[in-house]
All heavy atoms as atom14 arrays in JSON, in Angstrom:
{
  "sequence": "DHLALRLEGRIAREFYQDPDVKAAYLPVVTLGISYFTHGRRTP",
  "atom14_mask": [
    [1, 1, 1, 1, 1, 1, 1, 1, 0, 0, 0, 0, 0, 0],
    [1, 1, 1, 1, 1, 1, 1, 1, 1, 1, 0, 0, 0, 0],
    [1, 1, 1, 1, 1, 1, 1, 1, 0, 0, 0, 0, 0, 0],
    [1, 1, 1, 1, 1, 0, 0, 0, 0, 0, 0, 0, 0, 0],
    [1, 1, 1, 1, 1, 1, 1, 1, 0, 0, 0, 0, 0, 0],
    [1, 1, 1, 1, 1, 1, 1, 1, 1, 1, 1, 0, 0, 0],
    [1, 1, 1, 1, 1, 1, 1, 1, 0, 0, 0, 0, 0, 0],
    [1, 1, 1, 1, 1, 1, 1, 1, 1, 0, 0, 0, 0, 0],
    [1, 1, 1, 1, 0, 0, 0, 0, 0, 0, 0, 0, 0, 0],
    [1, 1, 1, 1, 1, 1, 1, 1, 1, 1, 1, 0, 0, 0],
    [1, 1, 1, 1, 1, 1, 1, 1, 0, 0, 0, 0, 0, 0],
    [1, 1, 1, 1, 1, 0, 0, 0, 0, 0, 0, 0, 0, 0],
    [1, 1, 1, 1, 1, 1, 1, 1, 1, 1, 1, 0, 0, 0],
    [1, 1, 1, 1, 1, 1, 1, 1, 1, 0, 0, 0, 0, 0],
    [1, 1, 1, 1, 1, 1, 1, 1, 1, 1, 1, 0, 0, 0],
    [1, 1, 1, 1, 1, 1, 1, 1, 1, 1, 1, 1, 0, 0],
    [1, 1, 1, 1, 1, 1, 1, 1, 1, 0, 0, 0, 0, 0],
    [1, 1, 1, 1, 1, 1, 1, 1, 0, 0, 0, 0, 0, 0],
    [1, 1, 1, 1, 1, 1, 1, 0, 0, 0, 0, 0, 0, 0],
    [1, 1, 1, 1, 1, 1, 1, 1, 0, 0, 0, 0, 0, 0],
    [1, 1, 1, 1, 1, 1, 1, 0, 0, 0, 0, 0, 0, 0],
    [1, 1, 1, 1, 1, 1, 1, 1, 1, 0, 0, 0, 0, 0],
    [1, 1, 1, 1, 1, 0, 0, 0, 0, 0, 0, 0, 0, 0],
    [1, 1, 1, 1, 1, 0, 0, 0, 0, 0, 0, 0, 0, 0],
    [1, 1, 1, 1, 1, 1, 1, 1, 1, 1, 1, 1, 0, 0],
    [1, 1, 1, 1, 1, 1, 1, 1, 0, 0, 0, 0, 0, 0],
    [1, 1, 1, 1, 1, 1, 1, 0, 0, 0, 0, 0, 0, 0],
    [1, 1, 1, 1, 1, 1, 1, 0, 0, 0, 0, 0, 0, 0],
    [1, 1, 1, 1, 1, 1, 1, 0, 0, 0, 0, 0, 0, 0],
    [1, 1, 1, 1, 1, 1, 1, 0, 0, 0, 0, 0, 0, 0],
    [1, 1, 1, 1, 1, 1, 1, 1, 0, 0, 0, 0, 0, 0],
    [1, 1, 1, 1, 0, 0, 0, 0, 0, 0, 0, 0, 0, 0],
    [1, 1, 1, 1, 1, 1, 1, 1, 0, 0, 0, 0, 0, 0],
    [1, 1, 1, 1, 1, 1, 0, 0, 0, 0, 0, 0, 0, 0],
    [1, 1, 1, 1, 1, 1, 1, 1, 1, 1, 1, 1, 0, 0],
    [1, 1, 1, 1, 1, 1, 1, 1, 1, 1, 1, 0, 0, 0],
    [1, 1, 1, 1, 1, 1, 1, 0, 0, 0, 0, 0, 0, 0],
    [1, 1, 1, 1, 1, 1, 1, 1, 1, 1, 0, 0, 0, 0],
    [1, 1, 1, 1, 0, 0, 0, 0, 0, 0, 0, 0, 0, 0],
    [1, 1, 1, 1, 1, 1, 1, 1, 1, 1, 1, 0, 0, 0],
    [1, 1, 1, 1, 1, 1, 1, 1, 1, 1, 1, 0, 0, 0],
    [1, 1, 1, 1, 1, 1, 1, 0, 0, 0, 0, 0, 0, 0],
    [1, 1, 1, 1, 1, 1, 1, 0, 0, 0, 0, 0, 0, 0]
  ],
  "atom14_positions": [
    [[212.53, 79.32, 34.78], [211.76, 79.46, 36.04], [212.59, 80.17, 37.1], [212.04, 80.8, 38.03], [211.35, 78.05, 36.54], [210.19, 77.49, 35.75], [209.57, 78.24, 35.04], [209.97, 76.28, 35.83], [0.0, 0.0, 0.0], [0.0, 0.0, 0.0], [0.0, 0.0, 0.0], [0.0, 0.0, 0.0], [0.0, 0.0, 0.0], [0.0, 0.0, 0.0]],
    [[213.93, 80.11, 37.04], [214.78, 80.63, 38.16], [215.8, 81.64, 37.69], [216.51, 82.24, 38.51], [215.49, 79.52, 38.89], [214.58, 78.51, 39.54], [213.87, 78.74, 40.7], [214.17, 77.29, 39.1], [213.14, 77.7, 41.0], [213.27, 76.83, 40.06], [0.0, 0.0, 0.0], [0.0, 0.0, 0.0], [0.0, 0.0, 0.0], [0.0, 0.0, 0.0]],
    [[215.84, 81.93, 36.4], [216.87, 82.83, 35.86], [216.25, 83.97, 35.04], [215.39, 83.7, 34.25], [217.86, 82.03, 34.96], [219.19, 82.73, 34.64], [220.02, 82.97, 35.9], [219.96, 81.89, 33.58], [0.0, 0.0, 0.0], [0.0, 0.0, 0.0], [0.0, 0.0, 0.0], [0.0, 0.0, 0.0], [0.0, 0.0, 0.0], [0.0, 0.0, 0.0]],
    [[216.72, 85.2, 35.28], [216.13, 86.32, 34.62], [217.2, 87.28, 34.17], [218.3, 87.44, 34.83], [215.18, 87.09, 35.51], [0.0, 0.0, 0.0], [0.0, 0.0, 0.0], [0.0, 0.0, 0.0], [0.0, 0.0, 0.0], [0.0, 0.0, 0.0], [0.0, 0.0, 0.0], [0.0, 0.0, 0.0], [0.0, 0.0, 0.0], [0.0, 0.0, 0.0]],
    [[216.99, 87.98, 33.04], [217.81, 89.15, 32.7], [217.31, 90.33, 33.46], [216.07, 90.52, 33.64], [217.67, 89.41, 31.17], [218.29, 88.33, 30.27], [218.0, 88.72, 28.76], [219.79, 88.22, 30.52], [0.0, 0.0, 0.0], [0.0, 0.0, 0.0], [0.0, 0.0, 0.0], [0.0, 0.0, 0.0], [0.0, 0.0, 0.0], [0.0, 0.0, 0.0]],
    [[218.2, 91.13, 33.97], [217.84, 92.28, 34.82], [218.51, 93.58, 34.26], [219.72, 93.73, 34.14], [218.31, 92.07, 36.28], [217.93, 93.24, 37.17], [218.61, 93.03, 38.57], [218.31, 94.12, 39.44], [217.54, 94.07, 40.53], [216.87, 93.0, 40.77], [217.35, 95.12, 41.25], [0.0, 0.0, 0.0], [0.0, 0.0, 0.0], [0.0, 0.0, 0.0]],
    [[217.65, 94.54, 33.82], [218.08, 95.86, 33.31], [217.66, 96.91, 34.3], [216.49, 96.95, 34.72], [217.49, 96.21, 31.96], [217.78, 97.51, 31.38], [219.25, 97.73, 31.11], [216.98, 97.81, 30.12], [0.0, 0.0, 0.0], [0.0, 0.0, 0.0], [0.0, 0.0, 0.0], [0.0, 0.0, 0.0], [0.0, 0.0, 0.0], [0.0, 0.0, 0.0]],
    [[218.61, 97.7, 34.78], [218.27, 98.7, 35.86], [219.02, 100.0, 35.59], [220.19, 99.98, 35.19], [218.66, 98.13, 37.22], [218.4, 99.04, 38.38], [218.75, 98.47, 39.74], [219.0, 97.23, 39.78], [218.83, 99.25, 40.71], [0.0, 0.0, 0.0], [0.0, 0.0, 0.0], [0.0, 0.0, 0.0], [0.0, 0.0, 0.0], [0.0, 0.0, 0.0]],
    [[218.32, 101.09, 35.85], [218.94, 102.4, 35.84], [218.57, 103.13, 37.09], [217.43, 103.12, 37.53], [0.0, 0.0, 0.0], [0.0, 0.0, 0.0], [0.0, 0.0, 0.0], [0.0, 0.0, 0.0], [0.0, 0.0, 0.0], [0.0, 0.0, 0.0], [0.0, 0.0, 0.0], [0.0, 0.0, 0.0], [0.0, 0.0, 0.0], [0.0, 0.0, 0.0]],
    [[219.57, 103.84, 37.65], [219.27, 104.58, 38.85], [220.13, 105.88, 38.91], [221.14, 105.94, 38.26], [219.48, 103.78, 40.13], [220.92, 103.33, 40.42], [220.98, 102.6, 41.74], [222.38, 102.25, 42.13], [223.0, 101.19, 41.79], [222.37, 100.29, 41.05], [224.24, 100.99, 42.16], [0.0, 0.0, 0.0], [0.0, 0.0, 0.0], [0.0, 0.0, 0.0]],
    [[219.65, 106.81, 39.68], [220.44, 108.08, 39.87], [220.61, 108.3, 41.36], [219.64, 108.2, 42.12], [219.78, 109.29, 39.16], [220.61, 110.53, 39.33], [218.34, 109.48, 39.64], [220.17, 111.65, 38.48], [0.0, 0.0, 0.0], [0.0, 0.0, 0.0], [0.0, 0.0, 0.0], [0.0, 0.0, 0.0], [0.0, 0.0, 0.0], [0.0, 0.0, 0.0]],
    [[221.86, 108.6, 41.75], [222.15, 108.83, 43.15], [222.54, 110.28, 43.42], [223.08, 110.96, 42.55], [223.27, 107.9, 43.6], [0.0, 0.0, 0.0], [0.0, 0.0, 0.0], [0.0, 0.0, 0.0], [0.0, 0.0, 0.0], [0.0, 0.0, 0.0], [0.0, 0.0, 0.0], [0.0, 0.0, 0.0], [0.0, 0.0, 0.0], [0.0, 0.0, 0.0]],
    [[222.28, 110.72, 44.59], [222.71, 112.05, 45.08], [223.51, 111.82, 46.33], [223.04, 111.3, 47.33], [221.5, 112.95, 45.35], [221.8, 114.32, 45.93], [222.47, 115.22, 44.88], [222.45, 116.62, 45.28], [223.15, 117.59, 44.79], [223.97, 117.31, 43.8], [223.03, 118.83, 45.16], [0.0, 0.0, 0.0], [0.0, 0.0, 0.0], [0.0, 0.0, 0.0]],
    [[224.81, 112.23, 46.33], [225.72, 111.99, 47.47], [226.29, 113.34, 47.94], [226.64, 114.22, 47.16], [226.8, 111.01, 47.13], [226.37, 109.64, 46.77], [227.43, 108.67, 46.48], [228.6, 109.1, 46.2], [227.19, 107.43, 46.6], [0.0, 0.0, 0.0], [0.0, 0.0, 0.0], [0.0, 0.0, 0.0], [0.0, 0.0, 0.0], [0.0, 0.0, 0.0]],
    [[226.5, 113.38, 49.28], [227.02, 114.58, 49.92], [228.31, 114.21, 50.64], [228.3, 113.38, 51.52], [226.01, 115.18, 50.9], [224.73, 115.68, 50.25], [223.68, 114.76, 50.06], [224.63, 116.98, 49.8], [222.52, 115.22, 49.44], [223.44, 117.35, 49.15], [222.44, 116.51, 49.02], [0.0, 0.0, 0.0], [0.0, 0.0, 0.0], [0.0, 0.0, 0.0]],
    [[229.48, 114.76, 50.22], [230.78, 114.33, 50.64], [231.32, 115.17, 51.78], [230.97, 116.36, 51.98], [231.77, 114.4, 49.5], [231.5, 113.3, 48.44], [230.47, 113.36, 47.5], [232.32, 112.15, 48.5], [230.24, 112.34, 46.62], [232.09, 111.1, 47.57], [231.07, 111.28, 46.63], [230.85, 110.21, 45.76], [0.0, 0.0, 0.0], [0.0, 0.0, 0.0]],
    [[232.15, 114.47, 52.54], [232.81, 115.22, 53.68], [233.91, 116.09, 53.22], [234.29, 117.05, 53.9], [233.44, 114.15, 54.65], [234.5, 113.32, 54.03], [235.17, 112.34, 54.97], [234.73, 112.3, 56.17], [236.17, 111.6, 54.6], [0.0, 0.0, 0.0], [0.0, 0.0, 0.0], [0.0, 0.0, 0.0], [0.0, 0.0, 0.0], [0.0, 0.0, 0.0]],
    [[234.47, 115.87, 52.02], [235.54, 116.7, 51.47], [234.9, 118.03, 51.02], [234.0, 118.1, 50.19], [236.16, 115.98, 50.27], [237.42, 116.7, 49.84], [237.48, 117.87, 49.93], [238.35, 115.99, 49.31], [0.0, 0.0, 0.0], [0.0, 0.0, 0.0], [0.0, 0.0, 0.0], [0.0, 0.0, 0.0], [0.0, 0.0, 0.0], [0.0, 0.0, 0.0]],
    [[235.36, 119.16, 51.55], [234.78, 120.45, 51.17], [234.93, 120.78, 49.68], [234.15, 121.55, 49.13], [235.52, 121.46, 52.04], [236.75, 120.78, 52.43], [236.46, 119.35, 52.54], [0.0, 0.0, 0.0], [0.0, 0.0, 0.0], [0.0, 0.0, 0.0], [0.0, 0.0, 0.0], [0.0, 0.0, 0.0], [0.0, 0.0, 0.0], [0.0, 0.0, 0.0]],
    [[235.95, 120.14, 49.0], [236.13, 120.44, 47.62], [235.17, 119.62, 46.74], [234.99, 119.9, 45.54], [237.55, 120.06, 47.24], [238.57, 120.99, 47.83], [238.21, 122.17, 48.0], [239.66, 120.54, 48.2], [0.0, 0.0, 0.0], [0.0, 0.0, 0.0], [0.0, 0.0, 0.0], [0.0, 0.0, 0.0], [0.0, 0.0, 0.0], [0.0, 0.0, 0.0]],
    [[234.51, 118.6, 47.31], [233.63, 117.81, 46.49], [232.11, 118.22, 46.71], [231.42, 118.42, 45.82], [233.73, 116.28, 46.88], [232.74, 115.41, 46.08], [235.18, 115.84, 46.67], [0.0, 0.0, 0.0], [0.0, 0.0, 0.0], [0.0, 0.0, 0.0], [0.0, 0.0, 0.0], [0.0, 0.0, 0.0], [0.0, 0.0, 0.0], [0.0, 0.0, 0.0]],
    [[231.78, 118.4, 47.99], [230.41, 118.82, 48.39], [229.37, 117.78, 47.96], [228.98, 116.93, 48.75], [230.12, 120.22, 47.82], [231.04, 121.32, 48.34], [230.63, 122.65, 47.76], [231.58, 123.7, 48.38], [231.31, 125.05, 47.83], [0.0, 0.0, 0.0], [0.0, 0.0, 0.0], [0.0, 0.0, 0.0], [0.0, 0.0, 0.0], [0.0, 0.0, 0.0]],
    [[228.78, 117.88, 46.78], [227.7, 116.98, 46.36], [227.88, 116.57, 44.96], [228.5, 117.27, 44.14], [226.34, 117.63, 46.58], [0.0, 0.0, 0.0], [0.0, 0.0, 0.0], [0.0, 0.0, 0.0], [0.0, 0.0, 0.0], [0.0, 0.0, 0.0], [0.0, 0.0, 0.0], [0.0, 0.0, 0.0], [0.0, 0.0, 0.0], [0.0, 0.0, 0.0]],
    [[227.3, 115.43, 44.62], [227.42, 114.94, 43.26], [226.19, 114.05, 42.86], [225.65, 113.4, 43.69], [228.69, 114.06, 43.1], [0.0, 0.0, 0.0], [0.0, 0.0, 0.0], [0.0, 0.0, 0.0], [0.0, 0.0, 0.0], [0.0, 0.0, 0.0], [0.0, 0.0, 0.0], [0.0, 0.0, 0.0], [0.0, 0.0, 0.0], [0.0, 0.0, 0.0]],
    [[225.85, 114.13, 41.53], [224.87, 113.23, 40.99], [225.6, 112.12, 40.29], [226.55, 112.34, 39.5], [223.94, 113.96, 39.97], [222.98, 114.91, 40.57], [223.24, 116.27, 40.67], [221.78, 114.44, 41.04], [222.36, 117.13, 41.22], [220.85, 115.32, 41.59], [221.12, 116.65, 41.7], [220.2, 117.52, 42.28], [0.0, 0.0, 0.0], [0.0, 0.0, 0.0]],
    [[225.14, 110.83, 40.48], [225.86, 109.68, 39.9], [224.8, 108.77, 39.22], [224.29, 107.84, 39.89], [226.58, 108.9, 40.96], [227.75, 109.75, 41.63], [228.33, 108.92, 42.8], [228.83, 110.02, 40.62], [0.0, 0.0, 0.0], [0.0, 0.0, 0.0], [0.0, 0.0, 0.0], [0.0, 0.0, 0.0], [0.0, 0.0, 0.0], [0.0, 0.0, 0.0]],
    [[224.51, 108.93, 37.93], [223.61, 108.0, 37.24], [224.38, 106.7, 36.94], [225.53, 106.69, 36.58], [223.26, 108.71, 35.93], [223.7, 110.13, 36.16], [224.81, 110.14, 37.17], [0.0, 0.0, 0.0], [0.0, 0.0, 0.0], [0.0, 0.0, 0.0], [0.0, 0.0, 0.0], [0.0, 0.0, 0.0], [0.0, 0.0, 0.0], [0.0, 0.0, 0.0]],
    [[223.67, 105.59, 37.03], [224.26, 104.24, 36.78], [223.22, 103.41, 35.95], [222.01, 103.41, 36.25], [224.58, 103.49, 38.08], [225.17, 102.17, 37.77], [225.51, 104.26, 38.97], [0.0, 0.0, 0.0], [0.0, 0.0, 0.0], [0.0, 0.0, 0.0], [0.0, 0.0, 0.0], [0.0, 0.0, 0.0], [0.0, 0.0, 0.0], [0.0, 0.0, 0.0]],
    [[223.74, 102.75, 34.93], [222.88, 101.8, 34.15], [223.62, 100.51, 34.05], [224.83, 100.46, 33.73], [222.69, 102.39, 32.71], [221.84, 101.33, 31.89], [221.96, 103.69, 32.7], [0.0, 0.0, 0.0], [0.0, 0.0, 0.0], [0.0, 0.0, 0.0], [0.0, 0.0, 0.0], [0.0, 0.0, 0.0], [0.0, 0.0, 0.0], [0.0, 0.0, 0.0]],
    [[222.91, 99.36, 34.44], [223.53, 98.06, 34.4], [222.64, 97.05, 33.75], [221.36, 97.17, 33.82], [223.89, 97.61, 35.88], [222.62, 97.54, 36.64], [224.86, 98.51, 36.51], [0.0, 0.0, 0.0], [0.0, 0.0, 0.0], [0.0, 0.0, 0.0], [0.0, 0.0, 0.0], [0.0, 0.0, 0.0], [0.0, 0.0, 0.0], [0.0, 0.0, 0.0]],
    [[223.25, 96.03, 33.21], [222.52, 94.88, 32.65], [223.18, 93.61, 33.21], [224.44, 93.49, 33.17], [222.64, 94.87, 31.13], [222.0, 93.67, 30.46], [220.47, 93.62, 30.68], [222.28, 93.68, 28.95], [0.0, 0.0, 0.0], [0.0, 0.0, 0.0], [0.0, 0.0, 0.0], [0.0, 0.0, 0.0], [0.0, 0.0, 0.0], [0.0, 0.0, 0.0]],
    [[222.36, 92.7, 33.73], [222.86, 91.49, 34.29], [221.92, 90.37, 34.4], [220.93, 90.37, 33.66], [0.0, 0.0, 0.0], [0.0, 0.0, 0.0], [0.0, 0.0, 0.0], [0.0, 0.0, 0.0], [0.0, 0.0, 0.0], [0.0, 0.0, 0.0], [0.0, 0.0, 0.0], [0.0, 0.0, 0.0], [0.0, 0.0, 0.0], [0.0, 0.0, 0.0]],
    [[222.18, 89.42, 35.26], [221.28, 88.29, 35.45], [220.91, 88.12, 36.94], [221.72, 88.6, 37.8], [221.91, 86.97, 35.0], [223.26, 86.69, 35.7], [222.15, 86.99, 33.43], [223.87, 85.38, 35.35], [0.0, 0.0, 0.0], [0.0, 0.0, 0.0], [0.0, 0.0, 0.0], [0.0, 0.0, 0.0], [0.0, 0.0, 0.0], [0.0, 0.0, 0.0]],
    [[219.71, 87.61, 37.17], [219.24, 87.33, 38.53], [218.95, 85.83, 38.62], [218.24, 85.31, 37.74], [218.06, 88.17, 38.9], [218.4, 89.52, 39.13], [0.0, 0.0, 0.0], [0.0, 0.0, 0.0], [0.0, 0.0, 0.0], [0.0, 0.0, 0.0], [0.0, 0.0, 0.0], [0.0, 0.0, 0.0], [0.0, 0.0, 0.0], [0.0, 0.0, 0.0]],
    [[219.27, 85.26, 39.71], [218.96, 83.83, 39.97], [218.04, 83.8, 41.21], [218.35, 84.36, 42.28], [220.19, 82.97, 40.21], [219.78, 81.56, 40.63], [219.42, 80.63, 39.64], [219.8, 81.18, 41.95], [219.06, 79.36, 39.95], [219.4, 79.84, 42.31], [219.02, 78.96, 41.3], [218.69, 77.71, 41.64], [0.0, 0.0, 0.0], [0.0, 0.0, 0.0]],
    [[216.85, 83.2, 41.05], [215.9, 83.07, 42.12], [215.88, 81.69, 42.73], [215.88, 80.69, 41.98], [214.45, 83.36, 41.63], [214.22, 84.76, 41.18], [214.53, 85.13, 39.9], [213.71, 85.7, 42.04], [214.35, 86.45, 39.44], [213.53, 87.02, 41.64], [213.83, 87.37, 40.34], [0.0, 0.0, 0.0], [0.0, 0.0, 0.0], [0.0, 0.0, 0.0]],
    [[215.94, 81.61, 44.04], [215.77, 80.3, 44.71], [214.3, 79.93, 44.68], [213.49, 80.74, 44.21], [216.33, 80.32, 46.14], [215.52, 81.29, 46.86], [217.74, 80.79, 46.2], [0.0, 0.0, 0.0], [0.0, 0.0, 0.0], [0.0, 0.0, 0.0], [0.0, 0.0, 0.0], [0.0, 0.0, 0.0], [0.0, 0.0, 0.0], [0.0, 0.0, 0.0]],
    [[214.0, 78.74, 45.14], [212.58, 78.33, 45.23], [211.83, 79.3, 46.16], [212.34, 79.83, 47.12], [212.46, 76.9, 45.75], [212.94, 75.87, 44.81], [212.22, 75.52, 43.71], [214.09, 75.12, 44.76], [212.91, 74.59, 43.0], [214.03, 74.35, 43.65], [0.0, 0.0, 0.0], [0.0, 0.0, 0.0], [0.0, 0.0, 0.0], [0.0, 0.0, 0.0]],
    [[210.57, 79.57, 45.79], [209.74, 80.48, 46.57], [209.04, 79.75, 47.73], [209.57, 78.74, 48.23], [0.0, 0.0, 0.0], [0.0, 0.0, 0.0], [0.0, 0.0, 0.0], [0.0, 0.0, 0.0], [0.0, 0.0, 0.0], [0.0, 0.0, 0.0], [0.0, 0.0, 0.0], [0.0, 0.0, 0.0], [0.0, 0.0, 0.0], [0.0, 0.0, 0.0]],
    [[207.93, 80.29, 48.18], [207.3, 79.82, 49.35], [206.8, 78.33, 49.15], [206.5, 77.87, 48.06], [206.13, 80.64, 49.69], [205.05, 80.77, 48.64], [204.0, 81.82, 48.98], [203.12, 82.14, 47.85], [202.28, 83.09, 47.89], [202.12, 83.84, 48.89], [201.5, 83.36, 46.85], [0.0, 0.0, 0.0], [0.0, 0.0, 0.0], [0.0, 0.0, 0.0]],
    [[206.73, 77.6, 50.26], [206.3, 76.21, 50.26], [205.06, 76.11, 51.12], [204.82, 76.89, 52.06], [207.36, 75.31, 50.88], [208.61, 75.23, 49.97], [208.34, 74.33, 48.83], [209.6, 73.92, 48.17], [210.19, 74.66, 47.24], [209.66, 75.87, 46.92], [211.32, 74.28, 46.65], [0.0, 0.0, 0.0], [0.0, 0.0, 0.0], [0.0, 0.0, 0.0]],
    [[204.26, 75.09, 50.89], [203.14, 74.73, 51.75], [203.68, 74.23, 53.07], [204.51, 73.32, 53.08], [202.23, 73.71, 51.14], [201.76, 74.25, 49.85], [201.01, 73.36, 52.0], [0.0, 0.0, 0.0], [0.0, 0.0, 0.0], [0.0, 0.0, 0.0], [0.0, 0.0, 0.0], [0.0, 0.0, 0.0], [0.0, 0.0, 0.0], [0.0, 0.0, 0.0]],
    [[203.24, 74.78, 54.26], [203.7, 74.21, 55.54], [203.56, 72.73, 55.62], [202.55, 72.14, 55.21], [202.85, 74.92, 56.57], [202.35, 76.18, 55.86], [202.26, 75.77, 54.41], [0.0, 0.0, 0.0], [0.0, 0.0, 0.0], [0.0, 0.0, 0.0], [0.0, 0.0, 0.0], [0.0, 0.0, 0.0], [0.0, 0.0, 0.0], [0.0, 0.0, 0.0]]
  ]
}
């Protein structure tokens, strides 16, 4: 009820202050766990 496996992939685009770097694409793939606290309650 409160624990999940989490698979995520994302791609980033970054622009650097260093003139030798300029810009870069950075793909990331991660696998982990998520813990959820209790959700909404009746007032």
